Amino acid sequence: MTTAINEKQNSTQLTLVIFIPPGEEEIQIIIRYWIRTLKIKLGWVQDFDKIVVKYVMFIYYLLLSTVFLFMFETFNSFSKLLNNFTVHTKQVSSIDYSTFNGIQLICSGSSDKTVCVWDINSNKQLQSLDGHTESVNCAKFSQYYYNKHCRNIICSASDDNTIRLWDFKHNQQLQLFNEHKDGVYGIEFSSFNSGRYLCSASLDNTIHGVLCVDMSPEQSSNNIDDNTSSSVSVIGGNGYTICSGSCDNTIRIWDIETTKQFIVLKGHTRGVCSVKYGSNRVGNIGCANTILSGSDDCCVRLWDIRSGNTIQEFYKHIGTVFAVDYSPFVIKNSIEVVGDNSNVICSGSWDNTIRFWDIRSNKIELRVISRYDKDDGVTCYKFVKLKDKVKENENCFHLYYGSYKGPIYVRG
């Protein structure tokens, strides 16, 4: 409910708009200092100023979220299979999305040892990057190189124990990292310092035989200058962490500054194949301080990081859950939707299905997208917002998902 407090004095009108009902203490502070401002010609009381800043930040993220959050009902009503890319000849393990020079691109890593780059507007393959000697398990675009050096760079990780940086515009390998002693299954760029830092996960037990990894999202209260900070330890002190999913059935959270493990989440009965942090932006009620995970035990779990307990368990898949994420959708008429708060999660599985769930209840499965080929499970996926303006009530998201046999399918 929106409450407006208007007061007029000396032909000057001052309005305070509050979007969330404040607590009793905050109400008393507002009323007490509002009365005192009638006698003050200039200046703000410090406590009152803090409250105003709080709600200004909330309004900012509320407006920002309208760009990214869309009604699930629209996607559910209009989405259909649109296209497929058939260059890969084996399992597609990873899909990522980015925009370079105004062109929307996806990249894919595959067990056929290649990384491919696609223009999603023309549906054409732009590059095939060859160099890995074993399966490519993960591929990510680097925004740091693009923003800082105007270079089009992809990072890839492989079963050949290496991580490679590629200039995909010129089809050149730039750098090779070979410190791992076993296959590298996950890579993730940092949410801080413009993506300057890279985290990798391997079966060499550098982080307990890790199958997947994610970095904590950008902190809403962070006041570090991304352009001047150069030390991971400084960032670590501001609450940045890494979570990893492992063959030992656990999810572990690590402090970047100390490199120490400080939380272990236990509940899965088999290896954890996918982990994803929820957003910590101001106004995010449903997903803040949470981690989403998928496992070889066919279960999807939503975790509370603070307590270390499972919030929800989703049991509908009958195969390994390879991919989980917080979708860009909300459910229509949900009174819990504020800020960056999506209440729809998504999971992809070896059972050939992609399932959408209401985050607030493990009993509500919103939709199932089924693949008809029984031997072609869903191994990864990525939501992509269309750049071109779409008509009213038209679905403005495409879902790209990879398969075991190699094709990448497009639904929208």
Protein backbone atom coordinates (compact mmCIF):
# COMPACT_ATOMS: atom_id res chain seq x y z
CA MET A 1 0.00 0.00 0.00
CA THR A 2 1.27 3.50 -0.83
CA THR A 3 1.05 6.14 1.88
CA ALA A 4 1.60 9.78 0.97
CA ILE A 5 2.33 12.41 3.61
CA ASN A 6 1.87 15.94 2.34
CA GLU A 7 2.61 19.07 4.28
CA LYS A 8 2.48 22.62 3.01
CA GLN A 9 4.16 25.69 4.48
CA ASN A 10 5.06 29.07 2.97
CA SER A 11 3.69 27.98 -0.43
CA THR A 12 6.15 25.07 -0.49
CA GLN A 13 4.87 21.49 -0.80
CA LEU A 14 6.96 18.54 0.35
CA THR A 15 5.87 14.96 -0.35
CA LEU A 16 7.22 11.70 1.04
CA VAL A 17 6.12 8.51 -0.71
CA ILE A 18 6.52 5.24 1.21
CA PHE A 19 6.10 1.97 -0.70
CA ILE A 20 6.55 -0.46 2.20
CA PRO A 21 4.78 -0.13 5.52
CA PRO A 22 7.63 0.88 7.90
CA GLY A 23 8.13 -0.50 11.36
CA GLU A 24 6.75 1.16 14.48
CA GLU A 25 10.11 2.71 15.39
CA GLU A 26 10.52 4.18 11.92
CA ILE A 27 6.99 5.63 12.03
CA GLN A 28 7.78 7.40 15.30
CA ILE A 29 11.01 8.82 13.87
CA ILE A 30 9.21 10.05 10.76
CA ILE A 31 6.42 11.75 12.69
CA ARG A 32 8.75 13.26 15.30
CA TYR A 33 11.20 14.75 12.85
CA TRP A 34 8.55 15.70 10.32
CA ILE A 35 7.07 18.03 12.95
CA ARG A 36 10.52 19.40 13.76
CA THR A 37 11.21 20.20 10.08
CA LEU A 38 8.44 22.79 10.23
CA LYS A 39 10.75 24.81 12.46
CA ILE A 40 13.97 24.08 10.57
CA LYS A 41 14.76 26.24 7.55
CA LEU A 42 17.58 24.07 6.16
CA GLY A 43 18.98 20.55 6.66
CA TRP A 44 17.78 17.03 7.40
CA VAL A 45 17.95 15.08 10.61
CA GLN A 46 20.40 12.20 10.16
CA ASP A 47 18.09 9.35 11.16
CA PHE A 48 15.31 10.67 8.97
CA ASP A 49 17.72 11.02 6.06
CA LYS A 50 18.70 7.36 6.38
CA ILE A 51 15.07 6.30 6.13
CA VAL A 52 14.54 8.46 3.04
CA VAL A 53 17.64 6.94 1.39
CA LYS A 54 16.32 3.48 2.15
CA TYR A 55 13.07 4.10 0.31
CA VAL A 56 14.71 5.94 -2.56
CA MET A 57 16.90 2.86 -3.12
CA PHE A 58 13.83 0.67 -2.95
CA ILE A 59 12.04 2.77 -5.60
CA TYR A 60 15.15 2.65 -7.80
CA TYR A 61 15.34 -1.13 -7.75
CA LEU A 62 11.58 -1.41 -8.14
CA LEU A 63 11.79 0.61 -11.36
CA LEU A 64 14.88 -1.29 -12.47
CA SER A 65 13.17 -4.63 -11.95
CA THR A 66 10.37 -3.77 -14.37
CA VAL A 67 12.90 -4.15 -17.15
CA PHE A 68 13.77 -7.71 -16.17
CA LEU A 69 10.69 -9.25 -14.59
CA PHE A 70 7.90 -10.41 -16.88
CA MET A 71 4.67 -12.27 -16.35
CA PHE A 72 5.04 -16.03 -16.49
CA GLU A 73 1.53 -16.38 -17.89
CA THR A 74 2.61 -14.60 -21.09
CA PHE A 75 5.54 -16.95 -21.62
CA ASN A 76 3.37 -19.93 -20.78
CA SER A 77 0.67 -18.91 -23.26
CA PHE A 78 2.80 -17.88 -26.23
CA SER A 79 5.98 -19.95 -26.12
CA LYS A 80 6.55 -22.66 -28.69
CA LEU A 81 9.49 -24.38 -30.37
CA LEU A 82 10.93 -21.91 -32.89
CA ASN A 83 14.26 -23.21 -34.12
CA ASN A 84 17.25 -25.43 -33.46
CA PHE A 85 21.01 -25.26 -34.06
CA THR A 86 22.54 -28.55 -35.15
CA VAL A 87 26.30 -27.93 -35.45
CA HIS A 88 27.37 -29.78 -32.29
CA THR A 89 27.61 -33.54 -32.67
CA LYS A 90 27.70 -34.44 -28.96
CA GLN A 91 26.28 -33.20 -25.64
CA VAL A 92 25.96 -29.44 -25.19
CA SER A 93 27.23 -28.78 -21.67
CA SER A 94 26.96 -24.99 -21.44
CA ILE A 95 25.15 -21.99 -22.97
CA ASP A 96 25.90 -18.34 -22.25
CA TYR A 97 24.55 -15.04 -23.60
CA SER A 98 25.92 -11.54 -24.15
CA THR A 99 25.74 -8.50 -26.42
CA PHE A 100 28.76 -7.22 -28.36
CA ASN A 101 28.56 -4.08 -30.49
CA GLY A 102 24.77 -4.28 -30.38
CA ILE A 103 24.70 -7.89 -31.65
CA GLN A 104 23.04 -10.51 -29.44
CA LEU A 105 25.16 -13.65 -29.18
CA ILE A 106 25.13 -17.01 -27.47
CA CYS A 107 28.09 -19.34 -27.04
CA SER A 108 27.96 -23.07 -26.41
CA GLY A 109 30.46 -25.62 -25.14
CA SER A 110 30.17 -29.26 -26.12
CA SER A 111 31.56 -32.75 -25.60
CA ASP A 112 32.62 -32.60 -29.25
CA LYS A 113 35.58 -30.47 -27.94
CA THR A 114 34.41 -27.23 -29.56
CA VAL A 115 33.02 -23.86 -28.54
CA CYS A 116 30.52 -22.29 -30.97
CA VAL A 117 29.33 -18.69 -31.22
CA TRP A 118 25.92 -17.82 -32.67
CA ASP A 119 24.14 -14.66 -33.80
CA ILE A 120 20.65 -15.17 -32.39
CA ASN A 121 19.04 -12.57 -34.65
CA SER A 122 20.19 -14.23 -37.87
CA ASN A 123 20.36 -17.74 -36.33
CA LYS A 124 23.80 -18.13 -37.90
CA GLN A 125 26.94 -19.67 -36.48
CA LEU A 126 29.75 -17.09 -36.40
CA GLN A 127 32.67 -19.14 -35.09
CA SER A 128 33.76 -22.60 -34.05
CA LEU A 129 36.70 -22.52 -31.63
CA ASP A 130 38.88 -25.64 -31.75
CA GLY A 131 41.81 -26.36 -29.46
CA HIS A 132 40.60 -28.38 -26.50
CA THR A 133 41.58 -32.04 -26.67
CA GLU A 134 38.67 -33.26 -24.52
CA SER A 135 35.04 -32.31 -23.81
CA VAL A 136 34.28 -28.63 -23.18
CA ASN A 137 32.28 -28.47 -19.96
CA CYS A 138 31.66 -24.73 -19.66
CA ALA A 139 31.95 -21.58 -21.81
CA LYS A 140 31.38 -17.96 -20.70
CA PHE A 141 31.57 -14.54 -22.35
CA SER A 142 33.94 -12.07 -20.66
CA GLN A 143 32.39 -8.64 -20.12
CA TYR A 144 35.62 -7.42 -18.53
CA TYR A 145 37.64 -7.72 -21.73
CA TYR A 146 34.88 -6.15 -23.77
CA ASN A 147 34.30 -3.18 -21.44
CA LYS A 148 37.96 -2.55 -20.59
CA HIS A 149 39.77 -3.54 -23.78
CA CYS A 150 37.06 -3.65 -26.50
CA ARG A 151 37.86 -7.30 -27.21
CA ASN A 152 35.41 -10.13 -27.82
CA ILE A 153 36.56 -12.85 -25.44
CA ILE A 154 35.18 -16.25 -24.41
CA CYS A 155 36.54 -18.38 -21.58
CA SER A 156 36.18 -22.17 -21.80
CA ALA A 157 36.89 -25.06 -19.42
CA SER A 158 37.51 -28.65 -20.40
CA ASP A 159 38.14 -32.25 -19.40
CA ASP A 160 41.67 -31.72 -20.76
CA ASN A 161 42.40 -29.95 -17.41
CA THR A 162 42.74 -26.53 -19.05
CA ILE A 163 40.98 -23.17 -19.15
CA ARG A 164 41.39 -21.16 -22.35
CA LEU A 165 40.68 -17.58 -23.37
CA TRP A 166 39.61 -17.02 -26.98
CA ASP A 167 39.28 -13.93 -29.15
CA PHE A 168 36.25 -15.20 -31.02
CA LYS A 169 36.16 -12.29 -33.44
CA HIS A 170 39.53 -13.34 -34.88
CA ASN A 171 39.29 -17.04 -33.93
CA GLN A 172 42.48 -16.91 -31.85
CA GLN A 173 43.43 -18.55 -28.57
CA LEU A 174 44.84 -15.84 -26.28
CA GLN A 175 45.78 -17.62 -23.08
CA LEU A 176 46.00 -21.10 -21.58
CA PHE A 177 45.65 -21.95 -17.88
CA ASN A 178 46.78 -25.46 -16.99
CA GLU A 179 47.11 -25.43 -13.19
CA HIS A 180 44.32 -27.97 -12.61
CA LYS A 181 45.24 -31.65 -12.39
CA ASP A 182 41.87 -32.99 -13.51
CA GLY A 183 38.91 -31.96 -15.64
CA VAL A 184 37.53 -28.43 -15.12
CA TYR A 185 33.73 -28.53 -14.88
CA GLY A 186 32.73 -25.01 -13.93
CA ILE A 187 33.89 -21.43 -14.39
CA GLU A 188 32.29 -18.18 -13.24
CA PHE A 189 33.33 -14.54 -13.61
CA SER A 190 33.06 -12.28 -10.57
CA SER A 191 30.09 -9.98 -10.07
CA PHE A 192 32.52 -7.35 -8.74
CA ASN A 193 35.39 -5.46 -10.42
CA SER A 194 33.52 -5.67 -13.75
CA GLY A 195 34.11 -9.42 -13.96
CA ARG A 196 37.90 -9.18 -13.66
CA TYR A 197 38.24 -12.34 -11.55
CA LEU A 198 37.52 -15.91 -12.59
CA CYS A 199 36.66 -18.86 -10.37
CA SER A 200 37.11 -22.43 -11.61
CA ALA A 201 35.93 -25.78 -10.26
CA SER A 202 37.60 -29.12 -10.92
CA LEU A 203 37.54 -32.79 -10.01
CA ASP A 204 41.12 -32.42 -8.75
CA ASN A 205 39.70 -31.72 -5.26
CA THR A 206 40.85 -28.09 -5.19
CA ILE A 207 37.31 -27.56 -3.93
CA HIS A 208 36.26 -31.13 -2.98
CA GLY A 209 35.77 -32.59 -6.47
CA VAL A 210 33.49 -29.82 -7.68
CA LEU A 211 30.95 -30.24 -10.47
CA CYS A 212 29.61 -26.67 -10.48
CA VAL A 213 30.35 -23.25 -9.02
CA ASP A 214 28.76 -19.81 -8.66
CA MET A 215 29.90 -16.46 -7.23
CA SER A 216 27.73 -14.45 -4.89
CA PRO A 217 25.82 -11.60 -6.58
CA GLU A 218 26.73 -7.95 -6.39
CA GLN A 219 26.15 -6.60 -2.90
CA SER A 220 23.54 -3.84 -2.72
CA SER A 221 25.45 -2.08 0.04
CA ASN A 222 28.85 -2.31 -1.63
CA ASN A 223 30.69 0.99 -1.86
CA ILE A 224 33.85 -0.33 -3.47
CA ASP A 225 34.91 1.44 -6.67
CA ASP A 226 35.09 -1.32 -9.28
CA ASN A 227 37.48 0.72 -11.38
CA THR A 228 40.07 1.23 -8.64
CA SER A 229 39.85 -1.91 -6.47
CA SER A 230 42.48 -4.49 -7.38
CA SER A 231 42.53 -6.83 -4.39
CA VAL A 232 40.26 -9.80 -3.96
CA SER A 233 40.84 -9.58 -0.21
CA VAL A 234 39.23 -6.16 -0.14
CA ILE A 235 36.19 -7.49 -1.93
CA GLY A 236 36.05 -10.57 0.28
CA GLY A 237 35.76 -8.35 3.31
CA ASN A 238 32.55 -6.95 1.85
CA GLY A 239 30.74 -10.25 1.90
CA TYR A 240 31.57 -11.90 -1.43
CA THR A 241 31.53 -15.67 -1.42
CA ILE A 242 31.73 -18.69 -3.69
CA CYS A 243 29.38 -21.65 -3.53
CA SER A 244 30.28 -25.03 -4.98
CA GLY A 245 28.36 -28.21 -5.64
CA SER A 246 30.27 -31.44 -5.23
CA CYS A 247 30.39 -35.16 -5.87
CA ASP A 248 30.26 -35.60 -2.07
CA ASN A 249 26.56 -34.52 -2.15
CA THR A 250 27.21 -31.19 -0.42
CA ILE A 251 27.11 -27.50 -1.25
CA ARG A 252 29.92 -25.51 0.35
CA ILE A 253 30.21 -21.74 0.73
CA TRP A 254 33.67 -20.17 0.80
CA ASP A 255 34.90 -16.76 1.86
CA ILE A 256 36.89 -15.17 -0.98
CA GLU A 257 39.11 -13.16 1.36
CA THR A 258 40.25 -16.03 3.58
CA THR A 259 39.64 -18.90 1.09
CA LYS A 260 38.05 -20.68 4.07
CA GLN A 261 34.91 -22.77 3.97
CA PHE A 262 32.35 -21.52 6.47
CA ILE A 263 29.01 -23.13 5.54
CA VAL A 264 28.17 -26.67 4.39
CA LEU A 265 24.66 -27.38 3.08
CA LYS A 266 23.67 -31.04 3.42
CA GLY A 267 20.52 -32.65 2.09
CA HIS A 268 21.12 -34.03 -1.39
CA THR A 269 21.73 -37.76 -1.50
CA ARG A 270 23.85 -37.74 -4.67
CA GLY A 271 26.25 -35.37 -6.44
CA VAL A 272 25.24 -31.71 -6.87
CA CYS A 273 25.32 -30.77 -10.57
CA SER A 274 24.11 -27.16 -10.52
CA VAL A 275 24.11 -24.26 -8.03
CA LYS A 276 22.87 -20.69 -8.35
CA TYR A 277 22.82 -17.74 -5.93
CA GLY A 278 19.63 -15.69 -5.58
CA SER A 279 19.83 -11.94 -6.11
CA ASN A 280 20.64 -9.77 -3.07
CA ARG A 281 19.35 -6.52 -4.48
CA VAL A 282 17.27 -4.20 -2.34
CA GLY A 283 13.61 -5.23 -2.33
CA ASN A 284 14.24 -8.87 -3.13
CA ILE A 285 12.20 -10.78 -0.57
CA GLY A 286 11.84 -14.25 -2.10
CA CYS A 287 15.34 -14.97 -3.36
CA ALA A 288 17.73 -12.93 -1.19
CA ASN A 289 20.16 -15.04 0.87
CA THR A 290 19.19 -18.19 -1.00
CA ILE A 291 20.89 -20.80 -3.17
CA LEU A 292 19.16 -23.00 -5.72
CA SER A 293 20.59 -26.45 -6.46
CA GLY A 294 19.99 -29.44 -8.73
CA SER A 295 21.34 -32.92 -8.17
CA ASP A 296 21.86 -36.41 -9.51
CA ASP A 297 19.26 -37.42 -6.90
CA CYS A 298 16.61 -35.85 -9.24
CA CYS A 299 15.75 -33.20 -6.64
CA VAL A 300 15.74 -29.38 -6.83
CA ARG A 301 16.35 -27.62 -3.51
CA LEU A 302 16.04 -24.01 -2.38
CA TRP A 303 18.34 -23.20 0.57
CA ASP A 304 18.43 -20.46 3.20
CA ILE A 305 22.10 -19.48 3.42
CA ARG A 306 21.73 -17.93 6.88
CA SER A 307 20.28 -21.00 8.58
CA GLY A 308 21.79 -23.62 6.30
CA ASN A 309 18.38 -25.28 6.00
CA THR A 310 16.32 -26.30 2.99
CA ILE A 311 13.39 -23.94 2.33
CA GLN A 312 11.72 -26.02 -0.38
CA GLU A 313 12.27 -29.37 -2.11
CA PHE A 314 10.91 -30.02 -5.60
CA TYR A 315 10.41 -33.67 -6.54
CA LYS A 316 9.05 -34.21 -10.05
CA HIS A 317 12.11 -34.99 -12.15
CA ILE A 318 12.99 -38.64 -12.75
CA GLY A 319 16.52 -37.96 -14.03
CA THR A 320 19.62 -35.97 -13.05
CA VAL A 321 18.94 -32.24 -12.72
CA PHE A 322 21.73 -30.62 -14.75
CA ALA A 323 20.59 -26.98 -14.67
CA VAL A 324 18.71 -24.71 -12.25
CA ASP A 325 18.11 -20.96 -12.23
CA TYR A 326 15.87 -18.16 -10.99
CA SER A 327 13.76 -17.27 -14.02
CA PRO A 328 13.05 -13.68 -15.19
CA PHE A 329 9.34 -14.29 -14.62
CA VAL A 330 6.79 -13.53 -11.92
CA ILE A 331 3.32 -14.91 -11.38
CA LYS A 332 0.51 -12.50 -12.22
CA ASN A 333 -1.24 -10.74 -9.31
CA SER A 334 1.34 -11.93 -6.79
CA ILE A 335 1.33 -9.60 -3.82
CA GLU A 336 4.85 -10.80 -2.95
CA VAL A 337 6.42 -9.41 -6.10
CA VAL A 338 8.65 -6.43 -5.30
CA GLY A 339 12.06 -5.28 -6.42
CA ASP A 340 14.14 -7.98 -8.10
CA ASN A 341 11.94 -10.73 -6.73
CA SER A 342 11.14 -13.47 -9.22
CA ASN A 343 8.87 -16.14 -7.76
CA VAL A 344 9.38 -18.65 -10.60
CA ILE A 345 12.35 -21.01 -10.74
CA CYS A 346 13.32 -23.35 -13.54
CA SER A 347 15.10 -26.71 -13.81
CA GLY A 348 16.36 -28.83 -16.70
CA SER A 349 16.90 -32.57 -16.44
CA TRP A 350 18.14 -35.76 -18.06
CA ASP A 351 14.47 -36.86 -18.08
CA ASN A 352 14.00 -34.62 -21.19
CA THR A 353 11.97 -31.97 -19.36
CA ILE A 354 12.25 -28.35 -18.30
CA ARG A 355 10.07 -27.61 -15.30
CA PHE A 356 8.85 -24.30 -13.86
CA TRP A 357 8.03 -24.03 -10.16
CA ASP A 358 6.38 -21.54 -7.84
CA ILE A 359 9.16 -20.69 -5.40
CA ARG A 360 6.70 -20.31 -2.52
CA SER A 361 5.34 -23.85 -2.63
CA ASN A 362 6.86 -27.21 -3.55
CA LYS A 363 3.37 -28.40 -4.49
CA ILE A 364 2.89 -25.97 -7.36
CA GLU A 365 4.49 -26.98 -10.66
CA LEU A 366 3.61 -24.26 -13.15
CA ARG A 367 4.59 -25.89 -16.42
CA VAL A 368 6.50 -28.78 -17.96
CA ILE A 369 8.24 -28.50 -21.33
CA SER A 370 8.80 -32.05 -22.57
CA ARG A 371 11.22 -33.31 -25.20
CA TYR A 372 9.93 -36.18 -27.32
CA ASP A 373 13.28 -37.87 -27.91
CA LYS A 374 13.69 -40.14 -24.89
CA ASP A 375 17.47 -40.32 -25.26
CA ASP A 376 18.07 -36.57 -25.57
CA GLY A 377 18.00 -35.02 -22.07
CA VAL A 378 18.14 -31.30 -21.27
CA THR A 379 21.71 -30.51 -20.19
CA CYS A 380 21.74 -26.68 -19.93
CA TYR A 381 19.64 -23.61 -20.75
CA LYS A 382 19.67 -19.81 -20.91
CA PHE A 383 16.92 -17.16 -20.97
CA VAL A 384 17.51 -14.36 -23.48
CA LYS A 385 15.49 -11.14 -23.62
CA LEU A 386 14.80 -10.01 -27.17
CA LYS A 387 16.35 -6.69 -28.08
CA ASP A 388 13.66 -5.66 -30.56
CA LYS A 389 10.45 -4.22 -29.19
CA VAL A 390 7.67 -6.76 -29.07
CA LYS A 391 3.93 -6.31 -29.33
CA GLU A 392 1.71 -6.12 -26.29
CA ASN A 393 1.11 -9.55 -24.68
CA GLU A 394 3.77 -11.09 -26.94
CA ASN A 395 6.46 -13.18 -25.31
CA CYS A 396 9.70 -11.15 -25.19
CA PHE A 397 11.95 -13.96 -23.94
CA HIS A 398 13.51 -16.87 -25.76
CA LEU A 399 14.69 -19.98 -23.97
CA TYR A 400 17.78 -21.66 -25.43
CA TYR A 401 18.47 -25.17 -24.16
CA GLY A 402 21.10 -27.74 -24.98
CA SER A 403 20.69 -31.48 -25.34
CA TYR A 404 22.64 -34.70 -24.93
CA LYS A 405 22.79 -35.46 -28.67
CA GLY A 406 23.98 -31.99 -29.65
CA PRO A 407 21.16 -29.78 -30.98
CA ILE A 408 20.38 -26.48 -29.27
CA TYR A 409 16.66 -25.72 -29.22
CA VAL A 410 15.00 -22.32 -29.17
CA ARG A 411 11.61 -21.76 -27.56
CA GLY A 412 9.82 -18.44 -27.39
